Amino acid sequence: MTDDSTPIKEISKQEMRDLFYENQLLQKINKHELTLVLLKERHSDPIKSGQVFCTYSQLLSIQDDKGNDIARAHQYKRPNGTIGASGMPDPLWMFIGGVIYKLKRN
């Protein structure tokens, strides 16, 4: 899928969100065209995260039908099952149109 010659573009958090939504990754997950895989989770610190007690901080992989990573995202999953913060996963990395997009370091 990717190799050393794959272009990498660093973009802002907002540009990453826009790209995530423009490419309809959530809709494709809901239609089972892409698979959401939980990679890691831990309880988040309510003070640092601003989330309710017992909320999980989760790292997710979004994969195609061959198991290739298309994107990585983070979300807060509350005890009642809803997604915290914006209510959507926050993209961290994506492979779209032959380009790897990652968050610009501040």
PDB file of N, CA and C in Angstrom:
ATOM      1  N   MET A   1       0.816  -1.192   0.000  1.00  0.00           N
ATOM      2  CA  MET A   1       0.000   0.000   0.000  1.00  0.00           C
ATOM      3  C   MET A   1       0.862   1.260   0.000  1.00  0.00           C
ATOM      4  N   THR A   2       1.795   1.378   0.941  1.00  0.00           N
ATOM      5  CA  THR A   2       2.686   2.530   0.959  1.00  0.00           C
ATOM      6  C   THR A   2       4.122   2.037   0.930  1.00  0.00           C
ATOM      7  N   ASP A   3       5.013   2.890   0.490  1.00  0.00           N
ATOM      8  CA  ASP A   3       6.440   2.574   0.522  1.00  0.00           C
ATOM      9  C   ASP A   3       7.206   3.851   0.818  1.00  0.00           C
ATOM     10  N   ASP A   4       8.521   3.789   0.740  1.00  0.00           N
ATOM     11  CA  ASP A   4       9.344   4.947   1.085  1.00  0.00           C
ATOM     12  C   ASP A   4       9.122   6.143   0.163  1.00  0.00           C
ATOM     13  N   SER A   5       8.583   5.908  -1.026  1.00  0.00           N
ATOM     14  CA  SER A   5       8.370   7.013  -1.967  1.00  0.00           C
ATOM     15  C   SER A   5       6.972   7.645  -1.837  1.00  0.00           C
ATOM     16  N   THR A   6       6.156   7.135  -0.925  1.00  0.00           N
ATOM     17  CA  THR A   6       4.816   7.687  -0.722  1.00  0.00           C
ATOM     18  C   THR A   6       4.933   9.107  -0.166  1.00  0.00           C
ATOM     19  N   PRO A   7       4.308  10.084  -0.830  1.00  0.00           N
ATOM     20  CA  PRO A   7       4.382  11.463  -0.324  1.00  0.00           C
ATOM     21  C   PRO A   7       3.692  11.600   1.034  1.00  0.00           C
ATOM     22  N   ILE A   8       4.289  12.424   1.879  1.00  0.00           N
ATOM     23  CA  ILE A   8       3.729  12.711   3.202  1.00  0.00           C
ATOM     24  C   ILE A   8       3.463  14.201   3.283  1.00  0.00           C
ATOM     25  N   LYS A   9       2.259  14.536   3.700  1.00  0.00           N
ATOM     26  CA  LYS A   9       1.886  15.950   3.822  1.00  0.00           C
ATOM     27  C   LYS A   9       1.400  16.196   5.242  1.00  0.00           C
ATOM     28  N   GLU A  10       2.007  17.169   5.901  1.00  0.00           N
ATOM     29  CA  GLU A  10       1.567  17.558   7.237  1.00  0.00           C
ATOM     30  C   GLU A  10       0.510  18.650   7.110  1.00  0.00           C
ATOM     31  N   ILE A  11      -0.614  18.443   7.801  1.00  0.00           N
ATOM     32  CA  ILE A  11      -1.718  19.396   7.736  1.00  0.00           C
ATOM     33  C   ILE A  11      -2.224  19.700   9.146  1.00  0.00           C
ATOM     34  N   SER A  12      -2.968  20.774   9.268  1.00  0.00           N
ATOM     35  CA  SER A  12      -3.504  21.201  10.568  1.00  0.00           C
ATOM     36  C   SER A  12      -4.613  20.263  11.022  1.00  0.00           C
ATOM     37  N   LYS A  13      -4.964  20.377  12.284  1.00  0.00           N
ATOM     38  CA  LYS A  13      -6.045  19.568  12.848  1.00  0.00           C
ATOM     39  C   LYS A  13      -7.359  19.808  12.092  1.00  0.00           C
ATOM     40  N   GLN A  14      -7.651  21.058  11.777  1.00  0.00           N
ATOM     41  CA  GLN A  14      -8.882  21.370  11.053  1.00  0.00           C
ATOM     42  C   GLN A  14      -8.858  20.810   9.638  1.00  0.00           C
ATOM     43  N   GLU A  15      -7.716  20.934   8.948  1.00  0.00           N
ATOM     44  CA  GLU A  15      -7.591  20.359   7.596  1.00  0.00           C
ATOM     45  C   GLU A  15      -7.753  18.843   7.639  1.00  0.00           C
ATOM     46  N   MET A  16      -7.219  18.211   8.693  1.00  0.00           N
ATOM     47  CA  MET A  16      -7.343  16.758   8.854  1.00  0.00           C
ATOM     48  C   MET A  16      -8.808  16.376   9.039  1.00  0.00           C
ATOM     49  N   ARG A  17      -9.519  17.118   9.869  1.00  0.00           N
ATOM     50  CA  ARG A  17     -10.945  16.850  10.078  1.00  0.00           C
ATOM     51  C   ARG A  17     -11.721  17.031   8.771  1.00  0.00           C
ATOM     52  N   ASP A  18     -11.417  18.119   8.055  1.00  0.00           N
ATOM     53  CA  ASP A  18     -12.106  18.379   6.786  1.00  0.00           C
ATOM     54  C   ASP A  18     -11.880  17.238   5.800  1.00  0.00           C
ATOM     55  N   LEU A  19     -10.644  16.770   5.686  1.00  0.00           N
ATOM     56  CA  LEU A  19     -10.311  15.678   4.776  1.00  0.00           C
ATOM     57  C   LEU A  19     -11.022  14.392   5.176  1.00  0.00           C
ATOM     58  N   PHE A  20     -11.077  14.124   6.467  1.00  0.00           N
ATOM     59  CA  PHE A  20     -11.765  12.950   7.012  1.00  0.00           C
ATOM     60  C   PHE A  20     -13.240  12.961   6.610  1.00  0.00           C
ATOM     61  N   TYR A  21     -13.880  14.119   6.774  1.00  0.00           N
ATOM     62  CA  TYR A  21     -15.311  14.227   6.480  1.00  0.00           C
ATOM     63  C   TYR A  21     -15.579  14.312   4.981  1.00  0.00           C
ATOM     64  N   GLU A  22     -14.710  14.998   4.231  1.00  0.00           N
ATOM     65  CA  GLU A  22     -14.874  15.077   2.771  1.00  0.00           C
ATOM     66  C   GLU A  22     -14.794  13.695   2.124  1.00  0.00           C
ATOM     67  N   ASN A  23     -13.978  12.818   2.691  1.00  0.00           N
ATOM     68  CA  ASN A  23     -13.825  11.467   2.161  1.00  0.00           C
ATOM     69  C   ASN A  23     -14.818  10.488   2.771  1.00  0.00           C
ATOM     70  N   GLN A  24     -15.735  10.997   3.565  1.00  0.00           N
ATOM     71  CA  GLN A  24     -16.864  10.259   4.121  1.00  0.00           C
ATOM     72  C   GLN A  24     -16.453   8.968   4.829  1.00  0.00           C
ATOM     73  N   LEU A  25     -15.358   9.044   5.595  1.00  0.00           N
ATOM     74  CA  LEU A  25     -14.884   7.837   6.264  1.00  0.00           C
ATOM     75  C   LEU A  25     -15.882   7.301   7.283  1.00  0.00           C
ATOM     76  N   LEU A  26     -16.540   8.180   8.033  1.00  0.00           N
ATOM     77  CA  LEU A  26     -17.546   7.702   8.988  1.00  0.00           C
ATOM     78  C   LEU A  26     -18.717   7.026   8.289  1.00  0.00           C
ATOM     79  N   GLN A  27     -19.172   7.615   7.201  1.00  0.00           N
ATOM     80  CA  GLN A  27     -20.277   7.017   6.453  1.00  0.00           C
ATOM     81  C   GLN A  27     -19.876   5.649   5.902  1.00  0.00           C
ATOM     82  N   LYS A  28     -18.633   5.527   5.438  1.00  0.00           N
ATOM     83  CA  LYS A  28     -18.147   4.251   4.905  1.00  0.00           C
ATOM     84  C   LYS A  28     -18.031   3.197   6.005  1.00  0.00           C
ATOM     85  N   ILE A  29     -17.698   3.636   7.218  1.00  0.00           N
ATOM     86  CA  ILE A  29     -17.682   2.706   8.362  1.00  0.00           C
ATOM     87  C   ILE A  29     -19.107   2.235   8.648  1.00  0.00           C
ATOM     88  N   ASN A  30     -20.046   3.180   8.675  1.00  0.00           N
ATOM     89  CA  ASN A  30     -21.444   2.836   8.959  1.00  0.00           C
ATOM     90  C   ASN A  30     -22.052   1.929   7.899  1.00  0.00           C
ATOM     91  N   LYS A  31     -21.563   2.031   6.651  1.00  0.00           N
ATOM     92  CA  LYS A  31     -22.047   1.177   5.556  1.00  0.00           C
ATOM     93  C   LYS A  31     -21.245  -0.127   5.461  1.00  0.00           C
ATOM     94  N   HIS A  32     -20.305  -0.326   6.390  1.00  0.00           N
ATOM     95  CA  HIS A  32     -19.436  -1.513   6.425  1.00  0.00           C
ATOM     96  C   HIS A  32     -18.516  -1.616   5.219  1.00  0.00           C
ATOM     97  N   GLU A  33     -18.225  -0.476   4.585  1.00  0.00           N
ATOM     98  CA  GLU A  33     -17.245  -0.443   3.504  1.00  0.00           C
ATOM     99  C   GLU A  33     -15.835  -0.365   4.087  1.00  0.00           C
ATOM    100  N   LEU A  34     -15.721   0.198   5.292  1.00  0.00           N
ATOM    101  CA  LEU A  34     -14.474   0.255   6.043  1.00  0.00           C
ATOM    102  C   LEU A  34     -14.753  -0.310   7.435  1.00  0.00           C
ATOM    103  N   THR A  35     -13.698  -0.805   8.091  1.00  0.00           N
ATOM    104  CA  THR A  35     -13.837  -1.413   9.412  1.00  0.00           C
ATOM    105  C   THR A  35     -13.110  -0.574  10.452  1.00  0.00           C
ATOM    106  N   LEU A  36     -13.752  -0.404  11.582  1.00  0.00           N
ATOM    107  CA  LEU A  36     -13.167   0.317  12.708  1.00  0.00           C
ATOM    108  C   LEU A  36     -12.589  -0.722  13.663  1.00  0.00           C
ATOM    109  N   VAL A  37     -11.293  -0.609  13.959  1.00  0.00           N
ATOM    110  CA  VAL A  37     -10.611  -1.563  14.834  1.00  0.00           C
ATOM    111  C   VAL A  37     -10.040  -0.815  16.030  1.00  0.00           C
ATOM    112  N   LEU A  38     -10.373  -1.275  17.224  1.00  0.00           N
ATOM    113  CA  LEU A  38      -9.842  -0.685  18.446  1.00  0.00           C
ATOM    114  C   LEU A  38      -8.414  -1.183  18.650  1.00  0.00           C
ATOM    115  N   LEU A  39      -7.451  -0.269  18.655  1.00  0.00           N
ATOM    116  CA  LEU A  39      -6.047  -0.634  18.827  1.00  0.00           C
ATOM    117  C   LEU A  39      -5.612  -0.561  20.283  1.00  0.00           C
ATOM    118  N   LYS A  40      -6.110   0.456  20.985  1.00  0.00           N
ATOM    119  CA  LYS A  40      -5.676   0.666  22.363  1.00  0.00           C
ATOM    120  C   LYS A  40      -6.718   1.516  23.071  1.00  0.00           C
ATOM    121  N   GLU A  41      -6.897   1.239  24.362  1.00  0.00           N
ATOM    122  CA  GLU A  41      -7.776   2.098  25.154  1.00  0.00           C
ATOM    123  C   GLU A  41      -7.290   2.134  26.595  1.00  0.00           C
ATOM    124  N   ARG A  42      -7.591   3.238  27.236  1.00  0.00           N
ATOM    125  CA  ARG A  42      -7.282   3.410  28.650  1.00  0.00           C
ATOM    126  C   ARG A  42      -8.270   4.423  29.211  1.00  0.00           C
ATOM    127  N   HIS A  43      -8.443   4.386  30.524  1.00  0.00           N
ATOM    128  CA  HIS A  43      -9.292   5.404  31.140  1.00  0.00           C
ATOM    129  C   HIS A  43      -8.617   6.760  31.001  1.00  0.00           C
ATOM    130  N   SER A  44      -9.392   7.739  30.618  1.00  0.00           N
ATOM    131  CA  SER A  44      -8.849   9.092  30.496  1.00  0.00           C
ATOM    132  C   SER A  44      -8.924   9.793  31.843  1.00  0.00           C
ATOM    133  N   ASP A  45      -8.048  10.742  32.033  1.00  0.00           N
ATOM    134  CA  ASP A  45      -8.039  11.570  33.228  1.00  0.00           C
ATOM    135  C   ASP A  45      -9.135  12.623  33.047  1.00  0.00           C
ATOM    136  N   PRO A  46     -10.176  12.592  33.885  1.00  0.00           N
ATOM    137  CA  PRO A  46     -11.289  13.548  33.706  1.00  0.00           C
ATOM    138  C   PRO A  46     -10.846  15.010  33.742  1.00  0.00           C
ATOM    139  N   ILE A  47      -9.835  15.320  34.537  1.00  0.00           N
ATOM    140  CA  ILE A  47      -9.385  16.714  34.638  1.00  0.00           C
ATOM    141  C   ILE A  47      -8.688  17.135  33.344  1.00  0.00           C
ATOM    142  N   LYS A  48      -7.785  16.312  32.831  1.00  0.00           N
ATOM    143  CA  LYS A  48      -7.054  16.656  31.605  1.00  0.00           C
ATOM    144  C   LYS A  48      -7.934  16.598  30.364  1.00  0.00           C
ATOM    145  N   SER A  49      -8.820  15.590  30.305  1.00  0.00           N
ATOM    146  CA  SER A  49      -9.617  15.388  29.086  1.00  0.00           C
ATOM    147  C   SER A  49     -10.906  16.195  29.067  1.00  0.00           C
ATOM    148  N   GLY A  50     -11.385  16.576  30.248  1.00  0.00           N
ATOM    149  CA  GLY A  50     -12.666  17.275  30.317  1.00  0.00           C
ATOM    150  C   GLY A  50     -13.847  16.334  30.126  1.00  0.00           C
ATOM    151  N   GLN A  51     -13.579  15.032  30.217  1.00  0.00           N
ATOM    152  CA  GLN A  51     -14.632  14.032  30.028  1.00  0.00           C
ATOM    153  C   GLN A  51     -15.093  13.495  31.386  1.00  0.00           C
ATOM    154  N   VAL A  52     -16.258  12.858  31.408  1.00  0.00           N
ATOM    155  CA  VAL A  52     -16.800  12.315  32.650  1.00  0.00           C
ATOM    156  C   VAL A  52     -15.955  11.140  33.141  1.00  0.00           C
ATOM    157  N   PHE A  53     -16.030  10.868  34.427  1.00  0.00           N
ATOM    158  CA  PHE A  53     -15.314   9.759  35.046  1.00  0.00           C
ATOM    159  C   PHE A  53     -15.659   8.453  34.335  1.00  0.00           C
ATOM    160  N   CYS A  54     -14.660   7.616  34.152  1.00  0.00           N
ATOM    161  CA  CYS A  54     -14.798   6.288  33.545  1.00  0.00           C
ATOM    162  C   CYS A  54     -14.939   6.334  32.018  1.00  0.00           C
ATOM    163  N   THR A  55     -14.556   7.457  31.412  1.00  0.00           N
ATOM    164  CA  THR A  55     -14.518   7.578  29.960  1.00  0.00           C
ATOM    165  C   THR A  55     -13.218   6.962  29.461  1.00  0.00           C
ATOM    166  N   TYR A  56     -13.287   6.238  28.356  1.00  0.00           N
ATOM    167  CA  TYR A  56     -12.093   5.643  27.755  1.00  0.00           C
ATOM    168  C   TYR A  56     -11.533   6.531  26.657  1.00  0.00           C
ATOM    169  N   SER A  57     -10.218   6.671  26.645  1.00  0.00           N
ATOM    170  CA  SER A  57      -9.497   7.288  25.542  1.00  0.00           C
ATOM    171  C   SER A  57      -9.128   6.133  24.615  1.00  0.00           C
ATOM    172  N   GLN A  58      -9.551   6.187  23.354  1.00  0.00           N
ATOM    173  CA  GLN A  58      -9.354   5.075  22.428  1.00  0.00           C
ATOM    174  C   GLN A  58      -8.582   5.485  21.185  1.00  0.00           C
ATOM    175  N   LEU A  59      -7.648   4.624  20.784  1.00  0.00           N
ATOM    176  CA  LEU A  59      -6.941   4.767  19.524  1.00  0.00           C
ATOM    177  C   LEU A  59      -7.554   3.766  18.555  1.00  0.00           C
ATOM    178  N   LEU A  60      -7.987   4.252  17.393  1.00  0.00           N
ATOM    179  CA  LEU A  60      -8.701   3.436  16.418  1.00  0.00           C
ATOM    180  C   LEU A  60      -7.944   3.355  15.098  1.00  0.00           C
ATOM    181  N   SER A  61      -8.079   2.229  14.429  1.00  0.00           N
ATOM    182  CA  SER A  61      -7.595   2.071  13.064  1.00  0.00           C
ATOM    183  C   SER A  61      -8.820   1.931  12.174  1.00  0.00           C
ATOM    184  N   ILE A  62      -8.813   2.634  11.062  1.00  0.00           N
ATOM    185  CA  ILE A  62      -9.870   2.493  10.063  1.00  0.00           C
ATOM    186  C   ILE A  62      -9.235   1.742   8.907  1.00  0.00           C
ATOM    187  N   GLN A  63      -9.802   0.563   8.592  1.00  0.00           N
ATOM    188  CA  GLN A  63      -9.180  -0.342   7.639  1.00  0.00           C
ATOM    189  C   GLN A  63     -10.092  -0.660   6.467  1.00  0.00           C
ATOM    190  N   ASP A  64      -9.445  -0.915   5.321  1.00  0.00           N
ATOM    191  CA  ASP A  64     -10.197  -1.345   4.146  1.00  0.00           C
ATOM    192  C   ASP A  64     -10.491  -2.846   4.249  1.00  0.00           C
ATOM    193  N   ASP A  65     -11.120  -3.413   3.227  1.00  0.00           N
ATOM    194  CA  ASP A  65     -11.526  -4.822   3.268  1.00  0.00           C
ATOM    195  C   ASP A  65     -10.350  -5.801   3.244  1.00  0.00           C
ATOM    196  N   LYS A  66      -9.141  -5.306   2.994  1.00  0.00           N
ATOM    197  CA  LYS A  66      -7.944  -6.154   3.009  1.00  0.00           C
ATOM    198  C   LYS A  66      -7.159  -5.994   4.312  1.00  0.00           C
ATOM    199  N   GLY A  67      -7.677  -5.188   5.232  1.00  0.00           N
ATOM    200  CA  GLY A  67      -7.005  -4.969   6.506  1.00  0.00           C
ATOM    201  C   GLY A  67      -5.931  -3.905   6.468  1.00  0.00           C
ATOM    202  N   ASN A  68      -5.873  -3.134   5.383  1.00  0.00           N
ATOM    203  CA  ASN A  68      -4.902  -2.045   5.276  1.00  0.00           C
ATOM    204  C   ASN A  68      -5.403  -0.827   6.046  1.00  0.00           C
ATOM    205  N   ASP A  69      -4.502  -0.182   6.784  1.00  0.00           N
ATOM    206  CA  ASP A  69      -4.852   1.061   7.479  1.00  0.00           C
ATOM    207  C   ASP A  69      -5.130   2.157   6.468  1.00  0.00           C
ATOM    208  N   ILE A  70      -6.293   2.774   6.579  1.00  0.00           N
ATOM    209  CA  ILE A  70      -6.656   3.937   5.770  1.00  0.00           C
ATOM    210  C   ILE A  70      -6.490   5.191   6.625  1.00  0.00           C
ATOM    211  N   ALA A  71      -6.730   5.027   7.939  1.00  0.00           N
ATOM    212  CA  ALA A  71      -6.642   6.163   8.856  1.00  0.00           C
ATOM    213  C   ALA A  71      -6.471   5.663  10.273  1.00  0.00           C
ATOM    214  N   ARG A  72      -5.993   6.568  11.107  1.00  0.00           N
ATOM    215  CA  ARG A  72      -5.961   6.361  12.551  1.00  0.00           C
ATOM    216  C   ARG A  72      -6.706   7.542  13.162  1.00  0.00           C
ATOM    217  N   ALA A  73      -7.409   7.260  14.248  1.00  0.00           N
ATOM    218  CA  ALA A  73      -8.186   8.315  14.897  1.00  0.00           C
ATOM    219  C   ALA A  73      -8.212   8.089  16.403  1.00  0.00           C
ATOM    220  N   HIS A  74      -8.571   9.117  17.117  1.00  0.00           N
ATOM    221  CA  HIS A  74      -8.722   9.056  18.568  1.00  0.00           C
ATOM    222  C   HIS A  74     -10.150   9.461  18.908  1.00  0.00           C
ATOM    223  N   GLN A  75     -10.687   8.829  19.932  1.00  0.00           N
ATOM    224  CA  GLN A  75     -11.996   9.248  20.421  1.00  0.00           C
ATOM    225  C   GLN A  75     -12.100   8.983  21.918  1.00  0.00           C
ATOM    226  N   TYR A  76     -13.026   9.696  22.556  1.00  0.00           N
ATOM    227  CA  TYR A  76     -13.372   9.460  23.946  1.00  0.00           C
ATOM    228  C   TYR A  76     -14.703   8.713  23.954  1.00  0.00           C
ATOM    229  N   LYS A  77     -14.708   7.513  24.516  1.00  0.00           N
ATOM    230  CA  LYS A  77     -15.952   6.748  24.615  1.00  0.00           C
ATOM    231  C   LYS A  77     -16.434   6.806  26.062  1.00  0.00           C
ATOM    232  N   ARG A  78     -17.583   7.440  26.232  1.00  0.00           N
ATOM    233  CA  ARG A  78     -18.160   7.637  27.555  1.00  0.00           C
ATOM    234  C   ARG A  78     -18.771   6.344  28.089  1.00  0.00           C
ATOM    235  N   PRO A  79     -19.009   6.272  29.397  1.00  0.00           N
ATOM    236  CA  PRO A  79     -19.589   5.064  29.987  1.00  0.00           C
ATOM    237  C   PRO A  79     -20.951   4.686  29.382  1.00  0.00           C
ATOM    238  N   ASN A  80     -21.693   5.676  28.890  1.00  0.00           N
ATOM    239  CA  ASN A  80     -23.008   5.378  28.299  1.00  0.00           C
ATOM    240  C   ASN A  80     -22.916   4.983  26.823  1.00  0.00           C
ATOM    241  N   GLY A  81     -21.674   4.895  26.293  1.00  0.00           N
ATOM    242  CA  GLY A  81     -21.482   4.456  24.913  1.00  0.00           C
ATOM    243  C   GLY A  81     -21.390   5.571  23.888  1.00  0.00           C
ATOM    244  N   THR A  82     -21.709   6.799  24.296  1.00  0.00           N
ATOM    245  CA  THR A  82     -21.612   7.913  23.344  1.00  0.00           C
ATOM    246  C   THR A  82     -20.158   8.352  23.200  1.00  0.00           C
ATOM    247  N   ILE A  83     -19.886   9.089  22.134  1.00  0.00           N
ATOM    248  CA  ILE A  83     -18.545   9.607  21.871  1.00  0.00           C
ATOM    249  C   ILE A  83     -18.463  11.019  22.439  1.00  0.00           C
ATOM    250  N   GLY A  84     -17.433  11.271  23.229  1.00  0.00           N
ATOM    251  CA  GLY A  84     -17.259  12.566  23.874  1.00  0.00           C
ATOM    252  C   GLY A  84     -16.654  13.600  22.945  1.00  0.00           C
ATOM    253  N   ALA A  85     -16.339  14.757  23.524  1.00  0.00           N
ATOM    254  CA  ALA A  85     -15.763  15.896  22.814  1.00  0.00           C
ATOM    255  C   ALA A  85     -16.682  16.300  21.669  1.00  0.00           C
ATOM    256  N   SER A  86     -16.229  16.179  20.412  1.00  0.00           N
ATOM    257  CA  SER A  86     -17.032  16.614  19.265  1.00  0.00           C
ATOM    258  C   SER A  86     -18.139  15.614  18.911  1.00  0.00           C
ATOM    259  N   GLY A  87     -18.090  14.424  19.506  1.00  0.00           N
ATOM    260  CA  GLY A  87     -19.068  13.385  19.171  1.00  0.00           C
ATOM    261  C   GLY A  87     -18.635  12.535  17.983  1.00  0.00           C
ATOM    262  N   MET A  88     -17.428  12.787  17.500  1.00  0.00           N
ATOM    263  CA  MET A  88     -16.884  12.060  16.347  1.00  0.00           C
ATOM    264  C   MET A  88     -15.431  11.683  16.640  1.00  0.00           C
ATOM    265  N   PRO A  89     -14.920  10.652  15.975  1.00  0.00           N
ATOM    266  CA  PRO A  89     -13.492  10.364  16.103  1.00  0.00           C
ATOM    267  C   PRO A  89     -12.670  11.522  15.535  1.00  0.00           C
ATOM    268  N   ASP A  90     -11.520  11.768  16.144  1.00  0.00           N
ATOM    269  CA  ASP A  90     -10.612  12.816  15.702  1.00  0.00           C
ATOM    270  C   ASP A  90      -9.477  12.179  14.896  1.00  0.00           C
ATOM    271  N   PRO A  91      -9.394  12.439  13.597  1.00  0.00           N
ATOM    272  CA  PRO A  91      -8.364  11.801  12.772  1.00  0.00           C
ATOM    273  C   PRO A  91      -6.955  12.283  13.130  1.00  0.00           C
ATOM    274  N   LEU A  92      -6.016  11.345  13.143  1.00  0.00           N
ATOM    275  CA  LEU A  92      -4.620  11.632  13.453  1.00  0.00           C
ATOM    276  C   LEU A  92      -3.722  11.438  12.233  1.00  0.00           C
ATOM    277  N   TRP A  93      -4.136  10.535  11.363  1.00  0.00           N
ATOM    278  CA  TRP A  93      -3.324  10.114  10.216  1.00  0.00           C
ATOM    279  C   TRP A  93      -4.269   9.522   9.183  1.00  0.00           C
ATOM    280  N   MET A  94      -4.007   9.768   7.887  1.00  0.00           N
ATOM    281  CA  MET A  94      -4.835   9.191   6.819  1.00  0.00           C
ATOM    282  C   MET A  94      -3.990   8.899   5.594  1.00  0.00           C
ATOM    283  N   PHE A  95      -4.414   7.902   4.833  1.00  0.00           N
ATOM    284  CA  PHE A  95      -3.821   7.583   3.536  1.00  0.00           C
ATOM    285  C   PHE A  95      -4.932   7.746   2.510  1.00  0.00           C
ATOM    286  N   ILE A  96      -4.901   8.861   1.781  1.00  0.00           N
ATOM    287  CA  ILE A  96      -5.961   9.212   0.832  1.00  0.00           C
ATOM    288  C   ILE A  96      -5.316   9.603  -0.488  1.00  0.00           C
ATOM    289  N   GLY A  97      -5.777   9.018  -1.570  1.00  0.00           N
ATOM    290  CA  GLY A  97      -5.300   9.395  -2.899  1.00  0.00           C
ATOM    291  C   GLY A  97      -3.800   9.254  -3.086  1.00  0.00           C
ATOM    292  N   GLY A  98      -3.214   8.243  -2.452  1.00  0.00           N
ATOM    293  CA  GLY A  98      -1.786   7.999  -2.611  1.00  0.00           C
ATOM    294  C   GLY A  98      -0.890   8.892  -1.774  1.00  0.00           C
ATOM    295  N   VAL A  99      -1.484   9.677  -0.864  1.00  0.00           N
ATOM    296  CA  VAL A  99      -0.721  10.589  -0.005  1.00  0.00           C
ATOM    297  C   VAL A  99      -1.003  10.235   1.453  1.00  0.00           C
ATOM    298  N   ILE A 100       0.055  10.236   2.264  1.00  0.00           N
ATOM    299  CA  ILE A 100      -0.105  10.086   3.706  1.00  0.00           C
ATOM    300  C   ILE A 100      -0.258  11.487   4.290  1.00  0.00           C
ATOM    301  N   TYR A 101      -1.358  11.699   4.990  1.00  0.00           N
ATOM    302  CA  TYR A 101      -1.591  12.971   5.670  1.00  0.00           C
ATOM    303  C   TYR A 101      -1.405  12.730   7.162  1.00  0.00           C
ATOM    304  N   LYS A 102      -0.626  13.589   7.801  1.00  0.00           N
ATOM    305  CA  LYS A 102      -0.470  13.484   9.240  1.00  0.00           C
ATOM    306  C   LYS A 102      -0.550  14.869   9.844  1.00  0.00           C
ATOM    307  N   LEU A 103      -0.832  14.893  11.154  1.00  0.00           N
ATOM    308  CA  LEU A 103      -0.979  16.168  11.834  1.00  0.00           C
ATOM    309  C   LEU A 103       0.330  16.914  11.891  1.00  0.00           C
ATOM    310  N   LYS A 104       0.241  18.201  11.589  1.00  0.00           N
ATOM    311  CA  LYS A 104       1.392  19.100  11.662  1.00  0.00           C
ATOM    312  C   LYS A 104       1.790  19.261  13.123  1.00  0.00           C
ATOM    313  N   ARG A 105       3.059  19.145  13.381  1.00  0.00           N
ATOM    314  CA  ARG A 105       3.549  19.349  14.755  1.00  0.00           C
ATOM    315  C   ARG A 105       3.592  20.836  15.052  1.00  0.00           C
ATOM    316  N   ASN A 106       3.171  21.183  16.251  1.00  0.00           N
ATOM    317  CA  ASN A 106       3.163  22.602  16.649  1.00  0.00           C
ATOM    318  C   ASN A 106       4.516  23.054  17.116  1.00  0.00           C
TER     319      ASN A 106
END
